[in-house]
Amino acid sequence: TFCFLLSPEEHRDGDTWGIRLLELVDQGFAPKATVAD
């Protein structure tokens, strides 16, 4: 339940999500799966 992302955003589209998740790759973020509704 560690919160690894909490980012205020004006947009919630796929591009914004993609940018934020790619930024986490530099910290080793490479999950086997992600779950989103």
PDB file of all heavy atoms in Angstrom:
ATOM      1  N   THR A   1       0.821  -1.222   0.000  1.00  0.00           N
ATOM      2  CA  THR A   1       0.000   0.000   0.000  1.00  0.00           C
ATOM      3  C   THR A   1       0.854   1.270   0.000  1.00  0.00           C
ATOM      4  O   THR A   1       0.350   2.346   0.283  1.00  0.00           O
ATOM      5  CB  THR A   1      -1.047   0.047   1.142  1.00  0.00           C
ATOM      6  OG1 THR A   1      -0.381   0.193   2.399  1.00  0.00           O
ATOM      7  CG2 THR A   1      -1.940  -1.171   1.148  1.00  0.00           C
ATOM      8  N   PHE A   2       2.117   1.147  -0.349  1.00  0.00           N
ATOM      9  CA  PHE A   2       2.999   2.308  -0.481  1.00  0.00           C
ATOM     10  C   PHE A   2       2.509   3.171  -1.641  1.00  0.00           C
ATOM     11  O   PHE A   2       2.305   2.678  -2.752  1.00  0.00           O
ATOM     12  CB  PHE A   2       4.444   1.847  -0.740  1.00  0.00           C
ATOM     13  CG  PHE A   2       5.393   2.969  -1.059  1.00  0.00           C
ATOM     14  CD1 PHE A   2       5.837   3.814  -0.064  1.00  0.00           C
ATOM     15  CD2 PHE A   2       5.836   3.164  -2.350  1.00  0.00           C
ATOM     16  CE1 PHE A   2       6.726   4.852  -0.344  1.00  0.00           C
ATOM     17  CE2 PHE A   2       6.722   4.198  -2.651  1.00  0.00           C
ATOM     18  CZ  PHE A   2       7.156   5.031  -1.645  1.00  0.00           C
ATOM     19  N   CYS A   3       2.330   4.446  -1.395  1.00  0.00           N
ATOM     20  CA  CYS A   3       1.894   5.378  -2.429  1.00  0.00           C
ATOM     21  C   CYS A   3       3.124   5.854  -3.199  1.00  0.00           C
ATOM     22  O   CYS A   3       3.945   6.585  -2.669  1.00  0.00           O
ATOM     23  CB  CYS A   3       1.151   6.555  -1.798  1.00  0.00           C
ATOM     24  SG  CYS A   3       0.583   7.760  -3.002  1.00  0.00           S
ATOM     25  N   PHE A   4       3.258   5.421  -4.450  1.00  0.00           N
ATOM     26  CA  PHE A   4       4.416   5.794  -5.250  1.00  0.00           C
ATOM     27  C   PHE A   4       4.124   6.944  -6.210  1.00  0.00           C
ATOM     28  O   PHE A   4       5.026   7.468  -6.847  1.00  0.00           O
ATOM     29  CB  PHE A   4       4.970   4.586  -6.022  1.00  0.00           C
ATOM     30  CG  PHE A   4       4.003   3.962  -6.999  1.00  0.00           C
ATOM     31  CD1 PHE A   4       3.845   4.470  -8.271  1.00  0.00           C
ATOM     32  CD2 PHE A   4       3.270   2.850  -6.630  1.00  0.00           C
ATOM     33  CE1 PHE A   4       2.968   3.886  -9.167  1.00  0.00           C
ATOM     34  CE2 PHE A   4       2.398   2.251  -7.511  1.00  0.00           C
ATOM     35  CZ  PHE A   4       2.235   2.780  -8.791  1.00  0.00           C
ATOM     36  N   LEU A   5       2.865   7.328  -6.325  1.00  0.00           N
ATOM     37  CA  LEU A   5       2.510   8.441  -7.207  1.00  0.00           C
ATOM     38  C   LEU A   5       1.327   9.192  -6.620  1.00  0.00           C
ATOM     39  O   LEU A   5       0.307   8.589  -6.273  1.00  0.00           O
ATOM     40  CB  LEU A   5       2.132   7.912  -8.599  1.00  0.00           C
ATOM     41  CG  LEU A   5       1.620   8.938  -9.610  1.00  0.00           C
ATOM     42  CD1 LEU A   5       2.720   9.935  -9.975  1.00  0.00           C
ATOM     43  CD2 LEU A   5       1.113   8.243 -10.863  1.00  0.00           C
ATOM     44  N   LEU A   6       1.461  10.493  -6.505  1.00  0.00           N
ATOM     45  CA  LEU A   6       0.366  11.367  -6.123  1.00  0.00           C
ATOM     46  C   LEU A   6       0.669  12.713  -6.767  1.00  0.00           C
ATOM     47  O   LEU A   6       1.399  13.537  -6.226  1.00  0.00           O
ATOM     48  CB  LEU A   6       0.237  11.489  -4.608  1.00  0.00           C
ATOM     49  CG  LEU A   6      -1.002  12.224  -4.114  1.00  0.00           C
ATOM     50  CD1 LEU A   6      -2.279  11.537  -4.590  1.00  0.00           C
ATOM     51  CD2 LEU A   6      -0.994  12.304  -2.603  1.00  0.00           C
ATOM     52  N   SER A   7       0.144  12.890  -7.962  1.00  0.00           N
ATOM     53  CA  SER A   7       0.533  14.023  -8.786  1.00  0.00           C
ATOM     54  C   SER A   7      -0.666  14.891  -9.153  1.00  0.00           C
ATOM     55  O   SER A   7      -1.595  14.419  -9.800  1.00  0.00           O
ATOM     56  CB  SER A   7       1.192  13.491 -10.067  1.00  0.00           C
ATOM     57  OG  SER A   7       1.571  14.539 -10.911  1.00  0.00           O
ATOM     58  N   PRO A   8      -0.650  16.167  -8.756  1.00  0.00           N
ATOM     59  CA  PRO A   8      -1.740  17.058  -9.165  1.00  0.00           C
ATOM     60  C   PRO A   8      -1.649  17.313 -10.669  1.00  0.00           C
ATOM     61  O   PRO A   8      -0.566  17.596 -11.183  1.00  0.00           O
ATOM     62  CB  PRO A   8      -1.480  18.336  -8.371  1.00  0.00           C
ATOM     63  CG  PRO A   8      -0.046  18.294  -8.001  1.00  0.00           C
ATOM     64  CD  PRO A   8       0.362  16.858  -7.968  1.00  0.00           C
ATOM     65  N   GLU A   9      -2.765  17.173 -11.353  1.00  0.00           N
ATOM     66  CA  GLU A   9      -2.768  17.314 -12.808  1.00  0.00           C
ATOM     67  C   GLU A   9      -3.995  18.067 -13.288  1.00  0.00           C
ATOM     68  O   GLU A   9      -5.068  17.924 -12.720  1.00  0.00           O
ATOM     69  CB  GLU A   9      -2.767  15.927 -13.476  1.00  0.00           C
ATOM     70  CG  GLU A   9      -1.591  15.054 -13.128  1.00  0.00           C
ATOM     71  CD  GLU A   9      -0.267  15.538 -13.696  1.00  0.00           C
ATOM     72  OE1 GLU A   9      -0.258  16.418 -14.590  1.00  0.00           O
ATOM     73  OE2 GLU A   9       0.766  15.048 -13.242  1.00  0.00           O
ATOM     74  N   GLU A  10      -3.825  18.822 -14.353  1.00  0.00           N
ATOM     75  CA  GLU A  10      -4.961  19.459 -14.998  1.00  0.00           C
ATOM     76  C   GLU A  10      -5.678  18.471 -15.912  1.00  0.00           C
ATOM     77  O   GLU A  10      -6.877  18.575 -16.128  1.00  0.00           O
ATOM     78  CB  GLU A  10      -4.511  20.674 -15.798  1.00  0.00           C
ATOM     79  CG  GLU A  10      -4.091  21.841 -14.930  1.00  0.00           C
ATOM     80  CD  GLU A  10      -3.814  23.084 -15.752  1.00  0.00           C
ATOM     81  OE1 GLU A  10      -4.468  23.272 -16.800  1.00  0.00           O
ATOM     82  OE2 GLU A  10      -2.943  23.851 -15.339  1.00  0.00           O
ATOM     83  N   HIS A  11      -4.927  17.529 -16.472  1.00  0.00           N
ATOM     84  CA  HIS A  11      -5.493  16.550 -17.399  1.00  0.00           C
ATOM     85  C   HIS A  11      -5.280  15.142 -16.846  1.00  0.00           C
ATOM     86  O   HIS A  11      -4.284  14.880 -16.182  1.00  0.00           O
ATOM     87  CB  HIS A  11      -4.837  16.669 -18.776  1.00  0.00           C
ATOM     88  CG  HIS A  11      -5.001  18.027 -19.373  1.00  0.00           C
ATOM     89  ND1 HIS A  11      -6.162  18.446 -19.953  1.00  0.00           N
ATOM     90  CD2 HIS A  11      -4.145  19.077 -19.449  1.00  0.00           C
ATOM     91  CE1 HIS A  11      -6.023  19.689 -20.376  1.00  0.00           C
ATOM     92  NE2 HIS A  11      -4.799  20.098 -20.071  1.00  0.00           N
ATOM     93  N   ARG A  12      -6.231  14.277 -17.154  1.00  0.00           N
ATOM     94  CA  ARG A  12      -6.142  12.883 -16.688  1.00  0.00           C
ATOM     95  C   ARG A  12      -6.162  11.929 -17.867  1.00  0.00           C
ATOM     96  O   ARG A  12      -6.589  10.794 -17.768  1.00  0.00           O
ATOM     97  CB  ARG A  12      -7.307  12.585 -15.746  1.00  0.00           C
ATOM     98  CG  ARG A  12      -7.349  13.517 -14.543  1.00  0.00           C
ATOM     99  CD  ARG A  12      -8.496  13.216 -13.603  1.00  0.00           C
ATOM    100  NE  ARG A  12      -9.768  12.930 -14.246  1.00  0.00           N
ATOM    101  CZ  ARG A  12     -10.690  13.842 -14.583  1.00  0.00           C
ATOM    102  NH1 ARG A  12     -10.451  15.121 -14.383  1.00  0.00           N
ATOM    103  NH2 ARG A  12     -11.829  13.479 -15.126  1.00  0.00           N
ATOM    104  N   ASP A  13      -5.651  12.361 -19.002  1.00  0.00           N
ATOM    105  CA  ASP A  13      -5.690  11.561 -20.216  1.00  0.00           C
ATOM    106  C   ASP A  13      -4.527  10.576 -20.258  1.00  0.00           C
ATOM    107  O   ASP A  13      -3.650  10.566 -19.390  1.00  0.00           O
ATOM    108  CB  ASP A  13      -5.689  12.467 -21.448  1.00  0.00           C
ATOM    109  CG  ASP A  13      -4.466  13.382 -21.513  1.00  0.00           C
ATOM    110  OD1 ASP A  13      -3.552  13.235 -20.678  1.00  0.00           O
ATOM    111  OD2 ASP A  13      -4.432  14.240 -22.397  1.00  0.00           O
ATOM    112  N   GLY A  14      -4.538   9.737 -21.273  1.00  0.00           N
ATOM    113  CA  GLY A  14      -3.500   8.725 -21.415  1.00  0.00           C
ATOM    114  C   GLY A  14      -2.106   9.290 -21.552  1.00  0.00           C
ATOM    115  O   GLY A  14      -1.142   8.708 -21.053  1.00  0.00           O
ATOM    116  N   ASP A  15      -1.975  10.417 -22.224  1.00  0.00           N
ATOM    117  CA  ASP A  15      -0.653  11.025 -22.375  1.00  0.00           C
ATOM    118  C   ASP A  15      -0.088  11.459 -21.028  1.00  0.00           C
ATOM    119  O   ASP A  15       1.089  11.227 -20.734  1.00  0.00           O
ATOM    120  CB  ASP A  15      -0.720  12.246 -23.309  1.00  0.00           C
ATOM    121  CG  ASP A  15      -0.974  11.864 -24.751  1.00  0.00           C
ATOM    122  OD1 ASP A  15      -0.735  10.693 -25.129  1.00  0.00           O
ATOM    123  OD2 ASP A  15      -1.425  12.741 -25.519  1.00  0.00           O
ATOM    124  N   THR A  16      -0.926  12.081 -20.210  1.00  0.00           N
ATOM    125  CA  THR A  16      -0.468  12.538 -18.892  1.00  0.00           C
ATOM    126  C   THR A  16      -0.083  11.351 -18.022  1.00  0.00           C
ATOM    127  O   THR A  16       0.969  11.354 -17.369  1.00  0.00           O
ATOM    128  CB  THR A  16      -1.560  13.388 -18.210  1.00  0.00           C
ATOM    129  OG1 THR A  16      -1.914  14.468 -19.073  1.00  0.00           O
ATOM    130  CG2 THR A  16      -1.064  13.947 -16.883  1.00  0.00           C
ATOM    131  N   TRP A  17      -0.933  10.310 -18.019  1.00  0.00           N
ATOM    132  CA  TRP A  17      -0.598   9.091 -17.274  1.00  0.00           C
ATOM    133  C   TRP A  17       0.727   8.514 -17.775  1.00  0.00           C
ATOM    134  O   TRP A  17       1.599   8.139 -16.976  1.00  0.00           O
ATOM    135  CB  TRP A  17      -1.697   8.038 -17.427  1.00  0.00           C
ATOM    136  CG  TRP A  17      -2.761   8.125 -16.394  1.00  0.00           C
ATOM    137  CD1 TRP A  17      -4.029   8.581 -16.562  1.00  0.00           C
ATOM    138  CD2 TRP A  17      -2.666   7.719 -15.020  1.00  0.00           C
ATOM    139  NE1 TRP A  17      -4.721   8.490 -15.373  1.00  0.00           N
ATOM    140  CE2 TRP A  17      -3.913   7.964 -14.419  1.00  0.00           C
ATOM    141  CE3 TRP A  17      -1.634   7.183 -14.246  1.00  0.00           C
ATOM    142  CZ2 TRP A  17      -4.169   7.686 -13.080  1.00  0.00           C
ATOM    143  CZ3 TRP A  17      -1.894   6.907 -12.915  1.00  0.00           C
ATOM    144  CH2 TRP A  17      -3.143   7.153 -12.338  1.00  0.00           C
ATOM    145  N   GLY A  18       0.882   8.439 -19.091  1.00  0.00           N
ATOM    146  CA  GLY A  18       2.098   7.865 -19.663  1.00  0.00           C
ATOM    147  C   GLY A  18       3.349   8.610 -19.247  1.00  0.00           C
ATOM    148  O   GLY A  18       4.367   8.007 -18.895  1.00  0.00           O
ATOM    149  N   ILE A  19       3.283   9.927 -19.268  1.00  0.00           N
ATOM    150  CA  ILE A  19       4.434  10.738 -18.867  1.00  0.00           C
ATOM    151  C   ILE A  19       4.786  10.473 -17.408  1.00  0.00           C
ATOM    152  O   ILE A  19       5.953  10.254 -17.063  1.00  0.00           O
ATOM    153  CB  ILE A  19       4.144  12.236 -19.098  1.00  0.00           C
ATOM    154  CG1 ILE A  19       4.104  12.531 -20.592  1.00  0.00           C
ATOM    155  CG2 ILE A  19       5.178  13.118 -18.386  1.00  0.00           C
ATOM    156  CD1 ILE A  19       3.501  13.888 -20.939  1.00  0.00           C
ATOM    157  N   ARG A  20       3.793  10.504 -16.527  1.00  0.00           N
ATOM    158  CA  ARG A  20       4.060  10.294 -15.101  1.00  0.00           C
ATOM    159  C   ARG A  20       4.622   8.896 -14.840  1.00  0.00           C
ATOM    160  O   ARG A  20       5.555   8.733 -14.044  1.00  0.00           O
ATOM    161  CB  ARG A  20       2.803  10.516 -14.256  1.00  0.00           C
ATOM    162  CG  ARG A  20       2.289  11.922 -14.278  1.00  0.00           C
ATOM    163  CD  ARG A  20       3.297  12.917 -13.696  1.00  0.00           C
ATOM    164  NE  ARG A  20       2.919  14.262 -14.077  1.00  0.00           N
ATOM    165  CZ  ARG A  20       3.588  15.016 -14.943  1.00  0.00           C
ATOM    166  NH1 ARG A  20       4.698  14.581 -15.485  1.00  0.00           N
ATOM    167  NH2 ARG A  20       3.164  16.221 -15.240  1.00  0.00           N
ATOM    168  N   LEU A  21       4.084   7.880 -15.499  1.00  0.00           N
ATOM    169  CA  LEU A  21       4.582   6.516 -15.284  1.00  0.00           C
ATOM    170  C   LEU A  21       5.985   6.343 -15.854  1.00  0.00           C
ATOM    171  O   LEU A  21       6.830   5.670 -15.241  1.00  0.00           O
ATOM    172  CB  LEU A  21       3.613   5.495 -15.871  1.00  0.00           C
ATOM    173  CG  LEU A  21       2.249   5.435 -15.164  1.00  0.00           C
ATOM    174  CD1 LEU A  21       1.297   4.509 -15.915  1.00  0.00           C
ATOM    175  CD2 LEU A  21       2.394   5.012 -13.718  1.00  0.00           C
ATOM    176  N   LEU A  22       6.268   6.951 -16.995  1.00  0.00           N
ATOM    177  CA  LEU A  22       7.625   6.877 -17.546  1.00  0.00           C
ATOM    178  C   LEU A  22       8.635   7.570 -16.635  1.00  0.00           C
ATOM    179  O   LEU A  22       9.777   7.128 -16.526  1.00  0.00           O
ATOM    180  CB  LEU A  22       7.671   7.486 -18.946  1.00  0.00           C
ATOM    181  CG  LEU A  22       7.092   6.618 -20.052  1.00  0.00           C
ATOM    182  CD1 LEU A  22       7.023   7.394 -21.368  1.00  0.00           C
ATOM    183  CD2 LEU A  22       7.901   5.337 -20.223  1.00  0.00           C
ATOM    184  N   GLU A  23       8.230   8.633 -15.970  1.00  0.00           N
ATOM    185  CA  GLU A  23       9.126   9.301 -15.021  1.00  0.00           C
ATOM    186  C   GLU A  23       9.509   8.362 -13.881  1.00  0.00           C
ATOM    187  O   GLU A  23      10.619   8.442 -13.346  1.00  0.00           O
ATOM    188  CB  GLU A  23       8.459  10.557 -14.464  1.00  0.00           C
ATOM    189  CG  GLU A  23       8.323  11.664 -15.478  1.00  0.00           C
ATOM    190  CD  GLU A  23       7.488  12.835 -15.009  1.00  0.00           C
ATOM    191  OE1 GLU A  23       6.775  12.731 -13.991  1.00  0.00           O
ATOM    192  OE2 GLU A  23       7.541  13.881 -15.693  1.00  0.00           O
ATOM    193  N   LEU A  24       8.611   7.468 -13.509  1.00  0.00           N
ATOM    194  CA  LEU A  24       8.882   6.531 -12.412  1.00  0.00           C
ATOM    195  C   LEU A  24       9.859   5.425 -12.811  1.00  0.00           C
ATOM    196  O   LEU A  24      10.472   4.797 -11.950  1.00  0.00           O
ATOM    197  CB  LEU A  24       7.571   5.919 -11.906  1.00  0.00           C
ATOM    198  CG  LEU A  24       6.582   6.912 -11.299  1.00  0.00           C
ATOM    199  CD1 LEU A  24       5.272   6.209 -10.970  1.00  0.00           C
ATOM    200  CD2 LEU A  24       7.159   7.579 -10.069  1.00  0.00           C
ATOM    201  N   VAL A  25      10.017   5.185 -14.111  1.00  0.00           N
ATOM    202  CA  VAL A  25      10.947   4.156 -14.583  1.00  0.00           C
ATOM    203  C   VAL A  25      12.367   4.453 -14.099  1.00  0.00           C
ATOM    204  O   VAL A  25      13.121   3.539 -13.764  1.00  0.00           O
ATOM    205  CB  VAL A  25      10.883   4.039 -16.123  1.00  0.00           C
ATOM    206  CG1 VAL A  25      12.001   3.175 -16.670  1.00  0.00           C
ATOM    207  CG2 VAL A  25       9.519   3.496 -16.548  1.00  0.00           C
ATOM    208  N   ASP A  26      12.725   5.730 -14.020  1.00  0.00           N
ATOM    209  CA  ASP A  26      14.058   6.108 -13.534  1.00  0.00           C
ATOM    210  C   ASP A  26      14.297   5.658 -12.095  1.00  0.00           C
ATOM    211  O   ASP A  26      15.435   5.541 -11.662  1.00  0.00           O
ATOM    212  CB  ASP A  26      14.267   7.621 -13.618  1.00  0.00           C
ATOM    213  CG  ASP A  26      14.349   8.117 -15.050  1.00  0.00           C
ATOM    214  OD1 ASP A  26      14.686   7.310 -15.945  1.00  0.00           O
ATOM    215  OD2 ASP A  26      14.080   9.307 -15.277  1.00  0.00           O
ATOM    216  N   GLN A  27      13.224   5.386 -11.354  1.00  0.00           N
ATOM    217  CA  GLN A  27      13.330   4.904  -9.976  1.00  0.00           C
ATOM    218  C   GLN A  27      13.150   3.390  -9.908  1.00  0.00           C
ATOM    219  O   GLN A  27      12.993   2.840  -8.827  1.00  0.00           O
ATOM    220  CB  GLN A  27      12.271   5.577  -9.099  1.00  0.00           C
ATOM    221  CG  GLN A  27      12.543   7.038  -8.851  1.00  0.00           C
ATOM    222  CD  GLN A  27      11.430   7.650  -8.022  1.00  0.00           C
ATOM    223  OE1 GLN A  27      10.629   8.410  -8.554  1.00  0.00           O
ATOM    224  NE2 GLN A  27      11.378   7.320  -6.751  1.00  0.00           N
ATOM    225  N   GLY A  28      13.169   2.732 -11.060  1.00  0.00           N
ATOM    226  CA  GLY A  28      13.070   1.284 -11.076  1.00  0.00           C
ATOM    227  C   GLY A  28      11.663   0.746 -11.271  1.00  0.00           C
ATOM    228  O   GLY A  28      11.446  -0.460 -11.205  1.00  0.00           O
ATOM    229  N   PHE A  29      10.698   1.598 -11.520  1.00  0.00           N
ATOM    230  CA  PHE A  29       9.310   1.156 -11.675  1.00  0.00           C
ATOM    231  C   PHE A  29       9.180   0.314 -12.938  1.00  0.00           C
ATOM    232  O   PHE A  29       9.351   0.794 -14.045  1.00  0.00           O
ATOM    233  CB  PHE A  29       8.377   2.366 -11.747  1.00  0.00           C
ATOM    234  CG  PHE A  29       6.914   2.029 -11.772  1.00  0.00           C
ATOM    235  CD1 PHE A  29       6.306   1.472 -10.665  1.00  0.00           C
ATOM    236  CD2 PHE A  29       6.150   2.272 -12.893  1.00  0.00           C
ATOM    237  CE1 PHE A  29       4.949   1.171 -10.674  1.00  0.00           C
ATOM    238  CE2 PHE A  29       4.806   1.981 -12.919  1.00  0.00           C
ATOM    239  CZ  PHE A  29       4.194   1.427 -11.813  1.00  0.00           C
ATOM    240  N   ALA A  30       8.913  -0.960 -12.749  1.00  0.00           N
ATOM    241  CA  ALA A  30       8.727  -1.907 -13.857  1.00  0.00           C
ATOM    242  C   ALA A  30       7.838  -3.051 -13.368  1.00  0.00           C
ATOM    243  O   ALA A  30       8.270  -4.202 -13.283  1.00  0.00           O
ATOM    244  CB  ALA A  30      10.071  -2.436 -14.343  1.00  0.00           C
ATOM    245  N   PRO A  31       6.593  -2.739 -13.014  1.00  0.00           N
ATOM    246  CA  PRO A  31       5.725  -3.777 -12.436  1.00  0.00           C
ATOM    247  C   PRO A  31       5.382  -4.864 -13.453  1.00  0.00           C
ATOM    248  O   PRO A  31       5.435  -4.638 -14.663  1.00  0.00           O
ATOM    249  CB  PRO A  31       4.470  -2.990 -12.045  1.00  0.00           C
ATOM    250  CG  PRO A  31       4.430  -1.859 -13.017  1.00  0.00           C
ATOM    251  CD  PRO A  31       5.881  -1.489 -13.234  1.00  0.00           C
ATOM    252  N   LYS A  32       5.039  -6.036 -12.934  1.00  0.00           N
ATOM    253  CA  LYS A  32       4.573  -7.119 -13.806  1.00  0.00           C
ATOM    254  C   LYS A  32       3.190  -6.790 -14.348  1.00  0.00           C
ATOM    255  O   LYS A  32       2.819  -7.237 -15.425  1.00  0.00           O
ATOM    256  CB  LYS A  32       4.547  -8.435 -13.046  1.00  0.00           C
ATOM    257  CG  LYS A  32       5.924  -8.930 -12.698  1.00  0.00           C
ATOM    258  CD  LYS A  32       5.867 -10.288 -12.056  1.00  0.00           C
ATOM    259  CE  LYS A  32       7.298 -10.716 -11.763  1.00  0.00           C
ATOM    260  NZ  LYS A  32       7.413 -12.133 -11.537  1.00  0.00           N
ATOM    261  N   ALA A  33       2.422  -5.997 -13.593  1.00  0.00           N
ATOM    262  CA  ALA A  33       1.073  -5.617 -14.014  1.00  0.00           C
ATOM    263  C   ALA A  33       0.659  -4.334 -13.317  1.00  0.00           C
ATOM    264  O   ALA A  33       1.181  -3.994 -12.260  1.00  0.00           O
ATOM    265  CB  ALA A  33       0.084  -6.731 -13.673  1.00  0.00           C
ATOM    266  N   THR A  34      -0.258  -3.645 -13.946  1.00  0.00           N
ATOM    267  CA  THR A  34      -0.922  -2.509 -13.299  1.00  0.00           C
ATOM    268  C   THR A  34      -2.423  -2.747 -13.407  1.00  0.00           C
ATOM    269  O   THR A  34      -2.899  -3.387 -14.338  1.00  0.00           O
ATOM    270  CB  THR A  34      -0.568  -1.158 -13.958  1.00  0.00           C
ATOM    271  OG1 THR A  34      -0.893  -1.207 -15.338  1.00  0.00           O
ATOM    272  CG2 THR A  34       0.897  -0.819 -13.766  1.00  0.00           C
ATOM    273  N   VAL A  35      -3.135  -2.230 -12.438  1.00  0.00           N
ATOM    274  CA  VAL A  35      -4.588  -2.369 -12.408  1.00  0.00           C
ATOM    275  C   VAL A  35      -5.184  -0.970 -12.345  1.00  0.00           C
ATOM    276  O   VAL A  35      -4.820  -0.174 -11.479  1.00  0.00           O
ATOM    277  CB  VAL A  35      -5.046  -3.200 -11.183  1.00  0.00           C
ATOM    278  CG1 VAL A  35      -6.563  -3.305 -11.148  1.00  0.00           C
ATOM    279  CG2 VAL A  35      -4.390  -4.569 -11.187  1.00  0.00           C
ATOM    280  N   ALA A  36      -6.085  -0.683 -13.277  1.00  0.00           N
ATOM    281  CA  ALA A  36      -6.770   0.608 -13.309  1.00  0.00           C
ATOM    282  C   ALA A  36      -8.214   0.359 -13.706  1.00  0.00           C
ATOM    283  O   ALA A  36      -8.507  -0.573 -14.458  1.00  0.00           O
ATOM    284  CB  ALA A  36      -6.101   1.539 -14.311  1.00  0.00           C
ATOM    285  N   ASP A  37      -9.119   1.190 -13.220  1.00  0.00           N
ATOM    286  CA  ASP A  37     -10.528   0.949 -13.498  1.00  0.00           C
ATOM    287  C   ASP A  37     -11.012   1.533 -14.826  1.00  0.00           C
ATOM    288  O   ASP A  37     -12.036   1.144 -15.332  1.00  0.00           O
ATOM    289  CB  ASP A  37     -11.409   1.438 -12.351  1.00  0.00           C
ATOM    290  CG  ASP A  37     -11.339   2.934 -12.132  1.00  0.00           C
ATOM    291  OD1 ASP A  37     -10.760   3.658 -12.971  1.00  0.00           O
ATOM    292  OD2 ASP A  37     -11.871   3.394 -11.112  1.00  0.00           O
TER     293      ASP A  37
END
